[in-house]
Amino acid sequence: MNEIIKRIRDLRVKKGFKQEYVARKAKMSQSNYSQIETGKIEPTISQIMIFAKIFEVPLDKLLDTRSNETAHNSEMEGANEKEFLRNLLAERENQINFLRAEIAGLQLLMMKLVNERVKNNN
């Protein structure tokens, strides 16, 4: 994760963005963003995706930790990438399920309101 944090900071500096600007665009406090850049907290997968959009770079540019090391390291990074993608998929599925539950709740509320309106008009 340290490499990702370093890339986030390097991209911010390269783009000439202040921490406050990136934090505002990412809809977080400047303090929270600063803690990410200093490694005090790790960014979530969603935050990394948001940073990629802010810096206008492909997601893999932030995630790519490949170097000219041994093939074993390359295999390990491939495994880490798969793990990351599995986590990303799980997070997205959780978000979808949450939104489905919210929609179902809103539909029930809407049906209640319609029924009350019908009763009041009769």
PDB file of N, CA and C in Angstrom:
ATOM      1  N   MET A   1       0.825  -1.202   0.000  1.00  0.00           N
ATOM      2  CA  MET A   1       0.000   0.000   0.000  1.00  0.00           C
ATOM      3  C   MET A   1       0.860   1.253   0.000  1.00  0.00           C
ATOM      4  N   ASN A   2       2.053   1.170   0.569  1.00  0.00           N
ATOM      5  CA  ASN A   2       2.912   2.350   0.632  1.00  0.00           C
ATOM      6  C   ASN A   2       3.226   2.910  -0.748  1.00  0.00           C
ATOM      7  N   GLU A   3       3.384   2.023  -1.729  1.00  0.00           N
ATOM      8  CA  GLU A   3       3.658   2.480  -3.093  1.00  0.00           C
ATOM      9  C   GLU A   3       2.468   3.262  -3.653  1.00  0.00           C
ATOM     10  N   ILE A   4       1.271   2.809  -3.348  1.00  0.00           N
ATOM     11  CA  ILE A   4       0.067   3.500  -3.819  1.00  0.00           C
ATOM     12  C   ILE A   4      -0.012   4.882  -3.182  1.00  0.00           C
ATOM     13  N   ILE A   5       0.244   4.950  -1.882  1.00  0.00           N
ATOM     14  CA  ILE A   5       0.215   6.237  -1.176  1.00  0.00           C
ATOM     15  C   ILE A   5       1.248   7.184  -1.774  1.00  0.00           C
ATOM     16  N   LYS A   6       2.432   6.659  -2.066  1.00  0.00           N
ATOM     17  CA  LYS A   6       3.487   7.478  -2.678  1.00  0.00           C
ATOM     18  C   LYS A   6       3.037   7.992  -4.051  1.00  0.00           C
ATOM     19  N   ARG A   7       2.397   7.132  -4.828  1.00  0.00           N
ATOM     20  CA  ARG A   7       1.922   7.562  -6.149  1.00  0.00           C
ATOM     21  C   ARG A   7       0.844   8.641  -6.034  1.00  0.00           C
ATOM     22  N   ILE A   8      -0.039   8.474  -5.043  1.00  0.00           N
ATOM     23  CA  ILE A   8      -1.095   9.472  -4.835  1.00  0.00           C
ATOM     24  C   ILE A   8      -0.469  10.831  -4.547  1.00  0.00           C
ATOM     25  N   ARG A   9       0.490  10.852  -3.632  1.00  0.00           N
ATOM     26  CA  ARG A   9       1.150  12.111  -3.282  1.00  0.00           C
ATOM     27  C   ARG A   9       1.909  12.675  -4.483  1.00  0.00           C
ATOM     28  N   ASP A  10       2.675  11.810  -5.171  1.00  0.00           N
ATOM     29  CA  ASP A  10       3.455  12.265  -6.329  1.00  0.00           C
ATOM     30  C   ASP A  10       2.559  12.840  -7.420  1.00  0.00           C
ATOM     31  N   LEU A  11       1.430  12.191  -7.678  1.00  0.00           N
ATOM     32  CA  LEU A  11       0.512  12.702  -8.707  1.00  0.00           C
ATOM     33  C   LEU A  11      -0.080  14.046  -8.295  1.00  0.00           C
ATOM     34  N   ARG A  12      -0.420  14.171  -7.000  1.00  0.00           N
ATOM     35  CA  ARG A  12      -0.978  15.448  -6.528  1.00  0.00           C
ATOM     36  C   ARG A  12       0.037  16.569  -6.741  1.00  0.00           C
ATOM     37  N   VAL A  13       1.277  16.304  -6.351  1.00  0.00           N
ATOM     38  CA  VAL A  13       2.325  17.315  -6.490  1.00  0.00           C
ATOM     39  C   VAL A  13       2.574  17.610  -7.972  1.00  0.00           C
ATOM     40  N   LYS A  14       2.653  16.567  -8.785  1.00  0.00           N
ATOM     41  CA  LYS A  14       2.891  16.739 -10.222  1.00  0.00           C
ATOM     42  C   LYS A  14       1.794  17.572 -10.886  1.00  0.00           C
ATOM     43  N   LYS A  15       0.549  17.356 -10.452  1.00  0.00           N
ATOM     44  CA  LYS A  15      -0.580  18.110 -11.004  1.00  0.00           C
ATOM     45  C   LYS A  15      -0.658  19.528 -10.431  1.00  0.00           C
ATOM     46  N   GLY A  16       0.103  19.779  -9.364  1.00  0.00           N
ATOM     47  CA  GLY A  16       0.072  21.097  -8.742  1.00  0.00           C
ATOM     48  C   GLY A  16      -1.145  21.322  -7.866  1.00  0.00           C
ATOM     49  N   PHE A  17      -1.759  20.234  -7.408  1.00  0.00           N
ATOM     50  CA  PHE A  17      -2.949  20.336  -6.567  1.00  0.00           C
ATOM     51  C   PHE A  17      -2.548  20.454  -5.108  1.00  0.00           C
ATOM     52  N   LYS A  18      -3.298  21.236  -4.370  1.00  0.00           N
ATOM     53  CA  LYS A  18      -3.126  21.298  -2.923  1.00  0.00           C
ATOM     54  C   LYS A  18      -3.948  20.176  -2.296  1.00  0.00           C
ATOM     55  N   GLN A  19      -3.546  19.784  -1.085  1.00  0.00           N
ATOM     56  CA  GLN A  19      -4.285  18.737  -0.385  1.00  0.00           C
ATOM     57  C   GLN A  19      -5.754  19.114  -0.222  1.00  0.00           C
ATOM     58  N   GLU A  20      -6.008  20.379   0.072  1.00  0.00           N
ATOM     59  CA  GLU A  20      -7.382  20.835   0.281  1.00  0.00           C
ATOM     60  C   GLU A  20      -8.232  20.601  -0.969  1.00  0.00           C
ATOM     61  N   TYR A  21      -7.641  20.858  -2.141  1.00  0.00           N
ATOM     62  CA  TYR A  21      -8.358  20.695  -3.403  1.00  0.00           C
ATOM     63  C   TYR A  21      -8.732  19.226  -3.614  1.00  0.00           C
ATOM     64  N   VAL A  22      -7.752  18.338  -3.444  1.00  0.00           N
ATOM     65  CA  VAL A  22      -8.004  16.913  -3.647  1.00  0.00           C
ATOM     66  C   VAL A  22      -9.025  16.417  -2.628  1.00  0.00           C
ATOM     67  N   ALA A  23      -8.884  16.835  -1.396  1.00  0.00           N
ATOM     68  CA  ALA A  23      -9.823  16.427  -0.346  1.00  0.00           C
ATOM     69  C   ALA A  23     -11.241  16.871  -0.694  1.00  0.00           C
ATOM     70  N   ARG A  24     -11.392  18.106  -1.134  1.00  0.00           N
ATOM     71  CA  ARG A  24     -12.715  18.628  -1.493  1.00  0.00           C
ATOM     72  C   ARG A  24     -13.309  17.823  -2.648  1.00  0.00           C
ATOM     73  N   LYS A  25     -12.488  17.552  -3.675  1.00  0.00           N
ATOM     74  CA  LYS A  25     -12.954  16.779  -4.827  1.00  0.00           C
ATOM     75  C   LYS A  25     -13.337  15.354  -4.421  1.00  0.00           C
ATOM     76  N   ALA A  26     -12.612  14.807  -3.441  1.00  0.00           N
ATOM     77  CA  ALA A  26     -12.871  13.439  -2.974  1.00  0.00           C
ATOM     78  C   ALA A  26     -13.954  13.395  -1.894  1.00  0.00           C
ATOM     79  N   LYS A  27     -14.498  14.570  -1.567  1.00  0.00           N
ATOM     80  CA  LYS A  27     -15.550  14.687  -0.552  1.00  0.00           C
ATOM     81  C   LYS A  27     -15.108  14.109   0.800  1.00  0.00           C
ATOM     82  N   MET A  28     -13.918  14.562   1.225  1.00  0.00           N
ATOM     83  CA  MET A  28     -13.405  14.179   2.543  1.00  0.00           C
ATOM     84  C   MET A  28     -12.737  15.396   3.162  1.00  0.00           C
ATOM     85  N   SER A  29     -12.444  15.306   4.438  1.00  0.00           N
ATOM     86  CA  SER A  29     -11.775  16.420   5.096  1.00  0.00           C
ATOM     87  C   SER A  29     -10.311  16.474   4.668  1.00  0.00           C
ATOM     88  N   GLN A  30      -9.729  17.646   4.758  1.00  0.00           N
ATOM     89  CA  GLN A  30      -8.314  17.804   4.427  1.00  0.00           C
ATOM     90  C   GLN A  30      -7.476  16.987   5.399  1.00  0.00           C
ATOM     91  N   SER A  31      -7.899  16.917   6.638  1.00  0.00           N
ATOM     92  CA  SER A  31      -7.190  16.147   7.652  1.00  0.00           C
ATOM     93  C   SER A  31      -7.166  14.660   7.287  1.00  0.00           C
ATOM     94  N   ASN A  32      -8.306  14.157   6.860  1.00  0.00           N
ATOM     95  CA  ASN A  32      -8.397  12.757   6.448  1.00  0.00           C
ATOM     96  C   ASN A  32      -7.483  12.487   5.259  1.00  0.00           C
ATOM     97  N   TYR A  33      -7.505  13.387   4.282  1.00  0.00           N
ATOM     98  CA  TYR A  33      -6.643  13.210   3.116  1.00  0.00           C
ATOM     99  C   TYR A  33      -5.171  13.246   3.523  1.00  0.00           C
ATOM    100  N   SER A  34      -4.816  14.167   4.390  1.00  0.00           N
ATOM    101  CA  SER A  34      -3.443  14.281   4.862  1.00  0.00           C
ATOM    102  C   SER A  34      -2.996  12.990   5.541  1.00  0.00           C
ATOM    103  N   GLN A  35      -3.892  12.387   6.319  1.00  0.00           N
ATOM    104  CA  GLN A  35      -3.563  11.133   6.988  1.00  0.00           C
ATOM    105  C   GLN A  35      -3.329  10.011   5.986  1.00  0.00           C
ATOM    106  N   ILE A  36      -4.029  10.057   4.864  1.00  0.00           N
ATOM    107  CA  ILE A  36      -3.793   9.065   3.810  1.00  0.00           C
ATOM    108  C   ILE A  36      -2.408   9.271   3.222  1.00  0.00           C
ATOM    109  N   GLU A  37      -2.086  10.516   2.884  1.00  0.00           N
ATOM    110  CA  GLU A  37      -0.784  10.808   2.267  1.00  0.00           C
ATOM    111  C   GLU A  37       0.387  10.491   3.186  1.00  0.00           C
ATOM    112  N   THR A  38       0.193  10.626   4.480  1.00  0.00           N
ATOM    113  CA  THR A  38       1.295  10.347   5.416  1.00  0.00           C
ATOM    114  C   THR A  38       1.312   8.887   5.859  1.00  0.00           C
ATOM    115  N   GLY A  39       0.352   8.108   5.385  1.00  0.00           N
ATOM    116  CA  GLY A  39       0.319   6.688   5.701  1.00  0.00           C
ATOM    117  C   GLY A  39      -0.286   6.358   7.045  1.00  0.00           C
ATOM    118  N   LYS A  40      -0.899   7.347   7.705  1.00  0.00           N
ATOM    119  CA  LYS A  40      -1.516   7.078   9.002  1.00  0.00           C
ATOM    120  C   LYS A  40      -2.772   6.231   8.845  1.00  0.00           C
ATOM    121  N   ILE A  41      -3.481   6.434   7.731  1.00  0.00           N
ATOM    122  CA  ILE A  41      -4.620   5.580   7.396  1.00  0.00           C
ATOM    123  C   ILE A  41      -4.467   5.155   5.939  1.00  0.00           C
ATOM    124  N   GLU A  42      -4.997   3.984   5.625  1.00  0.00           N
ATOM    125  CA  GLU A  42      -4.925   3.489   4.260  1.00  0.00           C
ATOM    126  C   GLU A  42      -6.186   3.891   3.510  1.00  0.00           C
ATOM    127  N   PRO A  43      -6.032   4.287   2.253  1.00  0.00           N
ATOM    128  CA  PRO A  43      -7.225   4.645   1.481  1.00  0.00           C
ATOM    129  C   PRO A  43      -8.033   3.391   1.154  1.00  0.00           C
ATOM    130  N   THR A  44      -9.341   3.560   1.064  1.00  0.00           N
ATOM    131  CA  THR A  44     -10.196   2.447   0.664  1.00  0.00           C
ATOM    132  C   THR A  44     -10.079   2.265  -0.848  1.00  0.00           C
ATOM    133  N   ILE A  45     -10.579   1.176  -1.303  1.00  0.00           N
ATOM    134  CA  ILE A  45     -10.572   0.916  -2.745  1.00  0.00           C
ATOM    135  C   ILE A  45     -11.355   2.012  -3.465  1.00  0.00           C
ATOM    136  N   SER A  46     -12.493   2.390  -2.900  1.00  0.00           N
ATOM    137  CA  SER A  46     -13.300   3.448  -3.507  1.00  0.00           C
ATOM    138  C   SER A  46     -12.540   4.767  -3.573  1.00  0.00           C
ATOM    139  N   GLN A  47     -11.820   5.095  -2.501  1.00  0.00           N
ATOM    140  CA  GLN A  47     -11.050   6.335  -2.490  1.00  0.00           C
ATOM    141  C   GLN A  47      -9.947   6.314  -3.540  1.00  0.00           C
ATOM    142  N   ILE A  48      -9.294   5.173  -3.703  1.00  0.00           N
ATOM    143  CA  ILE A  48      -8.240   5.064  -4.715  1.00  0.00           C
ATOM    144  C   ILE A  48      -8.831   5.307  -6.098  1.00  0.00           C
ATOM    145  N   MET A  49     -10.025   4.772  -6.332  1.00  0.00           N
ATOM    146  CA  MET A  49     -10.688   4.988  -7.624  1.00  0.00           C
ATOM    147  C   MET A  49     -11.013   6.472  -7.824  1.00  0.00           C
ATOM    148  N   ILE A  50     -11.449   7.122  -6.762  1.00  0.00           N
ATOM    149  CA  ILE A  50     -11.757   8.550  -6.836  1.00  0.00           C
ATOM    150  C   ILE A  50     -10.490   9.354  -7.120  1.00  0.00           C
ATOM    151  N   PHE A  51      -9.394   9.006  -6.460  1.00  0.00           N
ATOM    152  CA  PHE A  51      -8.133   9.712  -6.689  1.00  0.00           C
ATOM    153  C   PHE A  51      -7.690   9.561  -8.147  1.00  0.00           C
ATOM    154  N   ALA A  52      -7.864   8.366  -8.701  1.00  0.00           N
ATOM    155  CA  ALA A  52      -7.492   8.148 -10.104  1.00  0.00           C
ATOM    156  C   ALA A  52      -8.291   9.094 -11.007  1.00  0.00           C
ATOM    157  N   LYS A  53      -9.570   9.270 -10.703  1.00  0.00           N
ATOM    158  CA  LYS A  53     -10.399  10.193 -11.499  1.00  0.00           C
ATOM    159  C   LYS A  53      -9.932  11.639 -11.321  1.00  0.00           C
ATOM    160  N   ILE A  54      -9.653  12.015 -10.089  1.00  0.00           N
ATOM    161  CA  ILE A  54      -9.213  13.390  -9.815  1.00  0.00           C
ATOM    162  C   ILE A  54      -7.916  13.700 -10.556  1.00  0.00           C
ATOM    163  N   PHE A  55      -6.984  12.747 -10.527  1.00  0.00           N
ATOM    164  CA  PHE A  55      -5.681  12.965 -11.158  1.00  0.00           C
ATOM    165  C   PHE A  55      -5.699  12.642 -12.650  1.00  0.00           C
ATOM    166  N   GLU A  56      -6.867  12.178 -13.125  1.00  0.00           N
ATOM    167  CA  GLU A  56      -7.057  11.854 -14.548  1.00  0.00           C
ATOM    168  C   GLU A  56      -6.027  10.843 -15.030  1.00  0.00           C
ATOM    169  N   VAL A  57      -5.890   9.761 -14.252  1.00  0.00           N
ATOM    170  CA  VAL A  57      -5.000   8.673 -14.626  1.00  0.00           C
ATOM    171  C   VAL A  57      -5.784   7.362 -14.543  1.00  0.00           C
ATOM    172  N   PRO A  58      -5.381   6.377 -15.340  1.00  0.00           N
ATOM    173  CA  PRO A  58      -6.045   5.074 -15.210  1.00  0.00           C
ATOM    174  C   PRO A  58      -5.795   4.486 -13.821  1.00  0.00           C
ATOM    175  N   LEU A  59      -6.741   3.736 -13.339  1.00  0.00           N
ATOM    176  CA  LEU A  59      -6.632   3.128 -12.016  1.00  0.00           C
ATOM    177  C   LEU A  59      -5.365   2.299 -11.890  1.00  0.00           C
ATOM    178  N   ASP A  60      -4.998   1.604 -12.956  1.00  0.00           N
ATOM    179  CA  ASP A  60      -3.810   0.752 -12.864  1.00  0.00           C
ATOM    180  C   ASP A  60      -2.525   1.550 -12.679  1.00  0.00           C
ATOM    181  N   LYS A  61      -2.543   2.835 -13.013  1.00  0.00           N
ATOM    182  CA  LYS A  61      -1.345   3.659 -12.770  1.00  0.00           C
ATOM    183  C   LYS A  61      -1.116   3.842 -11.266  1.00  0.00           C
ATOM    184  N   LEU A  62      -2.201   3.951 -10.506  1.00  0.00           N
ATOM    185  CA  LEU A  62      -2.055   4.050  -9.051  1.00  0.00           C
ATOM    186  C   LEU A  62      -1.742   2.693  -8.424  1.00  0.00           C
ATOM    187  N   LEU A  63      -2.244   1.635  -9.023  1.00  0.00           N
ATOM    188  CA  LEU A  63      -2.109   0.311  -8.426  1.00  0.00           C
ATOM    189  C   LEU A  63      -0.866  -0.439  -8.871  1.00  0.00           C
ATOM    190  N   ASP A  64      -0.278  -0.065  -9.985  1.00  0.00           N
ATOM    191  CA  ASP A  64       0.842  -0.815 -10.550  1.00  0.00           C
ATOM    192  C   ASP A  64       2.071  -0.689  -9.664  1.00  0.00           C
ATOM    193  N   THR A  65       2.449  -1.795  -9.064  1.00  0.00           N
ATOM    194  CA  THR A  65       3.635  -1.805  -8.202  1.00  0.00           C
ATOM    195  C   THR A  65       4.741  -2.640  -8.826  1.00  0.00           C
ATOM    196  N   ARG A  66       4.641  -2.924 -10.104  1.00  0.00           N
ATOM    197  CA  ARG A  66       5.632  -3.777 -10.765  1.00  0.00           C
ATOM    198  C   ARG A  66       6.970  -3.067 -10.912  1.00  0.00           C
ATOM    199  N   SER A  67       7.997  -3.849 -10.749  1.00  0.00           N
ATOM    200  CA  SER A  67       9.345  -3.351 -10.980  1.00  0.00           C
ATOM    201  C   SER A  67      10.103  -4.439 -11.713  1.00  0.00           C
ATOM    202  N   ASN A  68      11.360  -4.275 -11.928  1.00  0.00           N
ATOM    203  CA  ASN A  68      12.174  -5.259 -12.633  1.00  0.00           C
ATOM    204  C   ASN A  68      12.778  -6.261 -11.674  1.00  0.00           C
ATOM    205  N   GLU A  69      11.976  -6.720 -10.699  1.00  0.00           N
ATOM    206  CA  GLU A  69      12.462  -7.702  -9.740  1.00  0.00           C
ATOM    207  C   GLU A  69      12.219  -9.099 -10.274  1.00  0.00           C
ATOM    208  N   THR A  70      12.324 -10.090  -9.410  1.00  0.00           N
ATOM    209  CA  THR A  70      12.239 -11.487  -9.815  1.00  0.00           C
ATOM    210  C   THR A  70      10.848 -11.862 -10.301  1.00  0.00           C
ATOM    211  N   ALA A  71      10.766 -12.979 -11.009  1.00  0.00           N
ATOM    212  CA  ALA A  71       9.483 -13.468 -11.500  1.00  0.00           C
ATOM    213  C   ALA A  71       8.562 -13.805 -10.334  1.00  0.00           C
ATOM    214  N   HIS A  72       9.150 -14.252  -9.226  1.00  0.00           N
ATOM    215  CA  HIS A  72       8.350 -14.565  -8.049  1.00  0.00           C
ATOM    216  C   HIS A  72       7.585 -13.336  -7.571  1.00  0.00           C
ATOM    217  N   ASN A  73       8.270 -12.211  -7.511  1.00  0.00           N
ATOM    218  CA  ASN A  73       7.614 -10.973  -7.100  1.00  0.00           C
ATOM    219  C   ASN A  73       6.492 -10.632  -8.063  1.00  0.00           C
ATOM    220  N   SER A  74       6.708 -10.873  -9.338  1.00  0.00           N
ATOM    221  CA  SER A  74       5.691 -10.596 -10.340  1.00  0.00           C
ATOM    222  C   SER A  74       4.462 -11.468 -10.100  1.00  0.00           C
ATOM    223  N   GLU A  75       4.695 -12.732  -9.766  1.00  0.00           N
ATOM    224  CA  GLU A  75       3.580 -13.626  -9.476  1.00  0.00           C
ATOM    225  C   GLU A  75       2.836 -13.168  -8.234  1.00  0.00           C
ATOM    226  N   MET A  76       3.585 -12.731  -7.224  1.00  0.00           N
ATOM    227  CA  MET A  76       2.961 -12.246  -5.993  1.00  0.00           C
ATOM    228  C   MET A  76       2.111 -11.017  -6.266  1.00  0.00           C
ATOM    229  N   GLU A  77       2.606 -10.128  -7.112  1.00  0.00           N
ATOM    230  CA  GLU A  77       1.846  -8.924  -7.443  1.00  0.00           C
ATOM    231  C   GLU A  77       0.581  -9.291  -8.193  1.00  0.00           C
ATOM    232  N   GLY A  78       0.687 -10.307  -9.069  1.00  0.00           N
ATOM    233  CA  GLY A  78      -0.506 -10.778  -9.771  1.00  0.00           C
ATOM    234  C   GLY A  78      -1.547 -11.293  -8.792  1.00  0.00           C
ATOM    235  N   ALA A  79      -1.072 -12.022  -7.774  1.00  0.00           N
ATOM    236  CA  ALA A  79      -1.974 -12.524  -6.741  1.00  0.00           C
ATOM    237  C   ALA A  79      -2.575 -11.361  -5.958  1.00  0.00           C
ATOM    238  N   ASN A  80      -1.760 -10.333  -5.648  1.00  0.00           N
ATOM    239  CA  ASN A  80      -2.272  -9.157  -4.944  1.00  0.00           C
ATOM    240  C   ASN A  80      -3.305  -8.424  -5.783  1.00  0.00           C
ATOM    241  N   GLU A  81      -3.061  -8.352  -7.082  1.00  0.00           N
ATOM    242  CA  GLU A  81      -4.017  -7.684  -7.974  1.00  0.00           C
ATOM    243  C   GLU A  81      -5.333  -8.443  -7.994  1.00  0.00           C
ATOM    244  N   LYS A  82      -5.242  -9.773  -8.039  1.00  0.00           N
ATOM    245  CA  LYS A  82      -6.464 -10.585  -8.015  1.00  0.00           C
ATOM    246  C   LYS A  82      -7.209 -10.377  -6.700  1.00  0.00           C
ATOM    247  N   GLU A  83      -6.469 -10.356  -5.607  1.00  0.00           N
ATOM    248  CA  GLU A  83      -7.082 -10.116  -4.293  1.00  0.00           C
ATOM    249  C   GLU A  83      -7.752  -8.741  -4.265  1.00  0.00           C
ATOM    250  N   PHE A  84      -7.054  -7.745  -4.804  1.00  0.00           N
ATOM    251  CA  PHE A  84      -7.615  -6.395  -4.860  1.00  0.00           C
ATOM    252  C   PHE A  84      -8.913  -6.394  -5.665  1.00  0.00           C
ATOM    253  N   LEU A  85      -8.885  -7.060  -6.809  1.00  0.00           N
ATOM    254  CA  LEU A  85     -10.079  -7.092  -7.657  1.00  0.00           C
ATOM    255  C   LEU A  85     -11.223  -7.845  -6.990  1.00  0.00           C
ATOM    256  N   ARG A  86     -10.881  -8.923  -6.264  1.00  0.00           N
ATOM    257  CA  ARG A  86     -11.923  -9.638  -5.515  1.00  0.00           C
ATOM    258  C   ARG A  86     -12.534  -8.725  -4.451  1.00  0.00           C
ATOM    259  N   ASN A  87     -11.677  -7.989  -3.746  1.00  0.00           N
ATOM    260  CA  ASN A  87     -12.167  -7.056  -2.721  1.00  0.00           C
ATOM    261  C   ASN A  87     -13.014  -5.954  -3.349  1.00  0.00           C
ATOM    262  N   LEU A  88     -12.568  -5.453  -4.490  1.00  0.00           N
ATOM    263  CA  LEU A  88     -13.316  -4.414  -5.192  1.00  0.00           C
ATOM    264  C   LEU A  88     -14.694  -4.932  -5.594  1.00  0.00           C
ATOM    265  N   LEU A  89     -14.732  -6.138  -6.145  1.00  0.00           N
ATOM    266  CA  LEU A  89     -15.999  -6.737  -6.538  1.00  0.00           C
ATOM    267  C   LEU A  89     -16.913  -6.919  -5.328  1.00  0.00           C
ATOM    268  N   ALA A  90     -16.353  -7.403  -4.229  1.00  0.00           N
ATOM    269  CA  ALA A  90     -17.153  -7.598  -3.016  1.00  0.00           C
ATOM    270  C   ALA A  90     -17.706  -6.270  -2.508  1.00  0.00           C
ATOM    271  N   GLU A  91     -16.871  -5.225  -2.550  1.00  0.00           N
ATOM    272  CA  GLU A  91     -17.318  -3.906  -2.103  1.00  0.00           C
ATOM    273  C   GLU A  91     -18.452  -3.388  -2.995  1.00  0.00           C
ATOM    274  N   ARG A  92     -18.302  -3.574  -4.295  1.00  0.00           N
ATOM    275  CA  ARG A  92     -19.349  -3.138  -5.231  1.00  0.00           C
ATOM    276  C   ARG A  92     -20.640  -3.921  -5.009  1.00  0.00           C
ATOM    277  N   GLU A  93     -20.517  -5.229  -4.770  1.00  0.00           N
ATOM    278  CA  GLU A  93     -21.702  -6.042  -4.508  1.00  0.00           C
ATOM    279  C   GLU A  93     -22.403  -5.576  -3.238  1.00  0.00           C
ATOM    280  N   ASN A  94     -21.628  -5.238  -2.214  1.00  0.00           N
ATOM    281  CA  ASN A  94     -22.216  -4.710  -0.983  1.00  0.00           C
ATOM    282  C   ASN A  94     -22.944  -3.397  -1.234  1.00  0.00           C
ATOM    283  N   GLN A  95     -22.348  -2.534  -2.052  1.00  0.00           N
ATOM    284  CA  GLN A  95     -22.989  -1.263  -2.378  1.00  0.00           C
ATOM    285  C   GLN A  95     -24.286  -1.494  -3.152  1.00  0.00           C
ATOM    286  N   ILE A  96     -24.263  -2.434  -4.085  1.00  0.00           N
ATOM    287  CA  ILE A  96     -25.459  -2.748  -4.869  1.00  0.00           C
ATOM    288  C   ILE A  96     -26.558  -3.287  -3.961  1.00  0.00           C
ATOM    289  N   ASN A  97     -26.192  -4.196  -3.067  1.00  0.00           N
ATOM    290  CA  ASN A  97     -27.183  -4.745  -2.138  1.00  0.00           C
ATOM    291  C   ASN A  97     -27.760  -3.669  -1.231  1.00  0.00           C
ATOM    292  N   PHE A  98     -26.911  -2.761  -0.770  1.00  0.00           N
ATOM    293  CA  PHE A  98     -27.387  -1.647   0.061  1.00  0.00           C
ATOM    294  C   PHE A  98     -28.384  -0.798  -0.724  1.00  0.00           C
ATOM    295  N   LEU A  99     -28.041  -0.476  -1.968  1.00  0.00           N
ATOM    296  CA  LEU A  99     -28.932   0.349  -2.788  1.00  0.00           C
ATOM    297  C   LEU A  99     -30.243  -0.373  -3.092  1.00  0.00           C
ATOM    298  N   ARG A 100     -30.181  -1.675  -3.310  1.00  0.00           N
ATOM    299  CA  ARG A 100     -31.416  -2.445  -3.536  1.00  0.00           C
ATOM    300  C   ARG A 100     -32.322  -2.364  -2.314  1.00  0.00           C
ATOM    301  N   ALA A 101     -31.725  -2.497  -1.125  1.00  0.00           N
ATOM    302  CA  ALA A 101     -32.510  -2.409   0.112  1.00  0.00           C
ATOM    303  C   ALA A 101     -33.115  -1.017   0.269  1.00  0.00           C
ATOM    304  N   GLU A 102     -32.333   0.014  -0.061  1.00  0.00           N
ATOM    305  CA  GLU A 102     -32.848   1.388   0.009  1.00  0.00           C
ATOM    306  C   GLU A 102     -34.011   1.583  -0.956  1.00  0.00           C
ATOM    307  N   ILE A 103     -33.874   1.073  -2.168  1.00  0.00           N
ATOM    308  CA  ILE A 103     -34.936   1.188  -3.169  1.00  0.00           C
ATOM    309  C   ILE A 103     -36.191   0.473  -2.688  1.00  0.00           C
ATOM    310  N   ALA A 104     -36.027  -0.735  -2.141  1.00  0.00           N
ATOM    311  CA  ALA A 104     -37.174  -1.486  -1.631  1.00  0.00           C
ATOM    312  C   ALA A 104     -37.869  -0.714  -0.518  1.00  0.00           C
ATOM    313  N   GLY A 105     -37.089  -0.116   0.370  1.00  0.00           N
ATOM    314  CA  GLY A 105     -37.673   0.683   1.446  1.00  0.00           C
ATOM    315  C   GLY A 105     -38.430   1.885   0.915  1.00  0.00           C
ATOM    316  N   LEU A 106     -37.863   2.545  -0.089  1.00  0.00           N
ATOM    317  CA  LEU A 106     -38.532   3.704  -0.690  1.00  0.00           C
ATOM    318  C   LEU A 106     -39.810   3.291  -1.421  1.00  0.00           C
ATOM    319  N   GLN A 107     -39.788   2.130  -2.061  1.00  0.00           N
ATOM    320  CA  GLN A 107     -40.984   1.649  -2.736  1.00  0.00           C
ATOM    321  C   GLN A 107     -42.099   1.379  -1.743  1.00  0.00           C
ATOM    322  N   LEU A 108     -41.750   0.770  -0.609  1.00  0.00           N
ATOM    323  CA  LEU A 108     -42.752   0.521   0.430  1.00  0.00           C
ATOM    324  C   LEU A 108     -43.325   1.825   0.968  1.00  0.00           C
ATOM    325  N   LEU A 109     -42.453   2.779   1.211  1.00  0.00           N
ATOM    326  CA  LEU A 109     -42.899   4.075   1.705  1.00  0.00           C
ATOM    327  C   LEU A 109     -43.822   4.744   0.694  1.00  0.00           C
ATOM    328  N   MET A 110     -43.472   4.665  -0.562  1.00  0.00           N
ATOM    329  CA  MET A 110     -44.284   5.274  -1.609  1.00  0.00           C
ATOM    330  C   MET A 110     -45.655   4.600  -1.674  1.00  0.00           C
ATOM    331  N   MET A 111     -45.677   3.275  -1.553  1.00  0.00           N
ATOM    332  CA  MET A 111     -46.959   2.566  -1.574  1.00  0.00           C
ATOM    333  C   MET A 111     -47.824   2.973  -0.389  1.00  0.00           C
ATOM    334  N   LYS A 112     -47.209   3.139   0.782  1.00  0.00           N
ATOM    335  CA  LYS A 112     -47.943   3.587   1.966  1.00  0.00           C
ATOM    336  C   LYS A 112     -48.556   4.960   1.734  1.00  0.00           C
ATOM    337  N   LEU A 113     -47.749   5.858   1.201  1.00  0.00           N
ATOM    338  CA  LEU A 113     -48.233   7.217   0.949  1.00  0.00           C
ATOM    339  C   LEU A 113     -49.369   7.229  -0.063  1.00  0.00           C
ATOM    340  N   VAL A 114     -49.262   6.434  -1.099  1.00  0.00           N
ATOM    341  CA  VAL A 114     -50.330   6.352  -2.107  1.00  0.00           C
ATOM    342  C   VAL A 114     -51.595   5.807  -1.471  1.00  0.00           C
ATOM    343  N   ASN A 115     -51.469   4.752  -0.665  1.00  0.00           N
ATOM    344  CA  ASN A 115     -52.644   4.174  -0.002  1.00  0.00           C
ATOM    345  C   ASN A 115     -53.293   5.178   0.950  1.00  0.00           C
ATOM    346  N   GLU A 116     -52.492   5.931   1.691  1.00  0.00           N
ATOM    347  CA  GLU A 116     -53.052   6.941   2.586  1.00  0.00           C
ATOM    348  C   GLU A 116     -53.780   8.022   1.807  1.00  0.00           C
ATOM    349  N   ARG A 117     -53.209   8.416   0.702  1.00  0.00           N
ATOM    350  CA  ARG A 117     -53.835   9.461  -0.137  1.00  0.00           C
ATOM    351  C   ARG A 117     -55.158   8.954  -0.693  1.00  0.00           C
ATOM    352  N   VAL A 118     -55.190   7.707  -1.109  1.00  0.00           N
ATOM    353  CA  VAL A 118     -56.420   7.115  -1.640  1.00  0.00           C
ATOM    354  C   VAL A 118     -57.480   7.075  -0.544  1.00  0.00           C
ATOM    355  N   LYS A 119     -57.070   6.649   0.679  1.00  0.00           N
ATOM    356  CA  LYS A 119     -58.017   6.598   1.800  1.00  0.00           C
ATOM    357  C   LYS A 119     -58.553   7.981   2.119  1.00  0.00           C
ATOM    358  N   ASN A 120     -57.692   8.977   2.098  1.00  0.00           N
ATOM    359  CA  ASN A 120     -58.091  10.358   2.430  1.00  0.00           C
ATOM    360  C   ASN A 120     -59.013  10.932   1.376  1.00  0.00           C
ATOM    361  N   ASN A 121     -58.883  10.512   0.146  1.00  0.00           N
ATOM    362  CA  ASN A 121     -59.735  11.031  -0.938  1.00  0.00           C
ATOM    363  C   ASN A 121     -61.085  10.347  -0.970  1.00  0.00           C
ATOM    364  N   ASN A 122     -61.216   9.206  -0.301  1.00  0.00           N
ATOM    365  CA  ASN A 122     -62.509   8.494  -0.293  1.00  0.00           C
ATOM    366  C   ASN A 122     -63.375   8.968   0.792  1.00  0.00           C
TER     367      ASN A 122
END
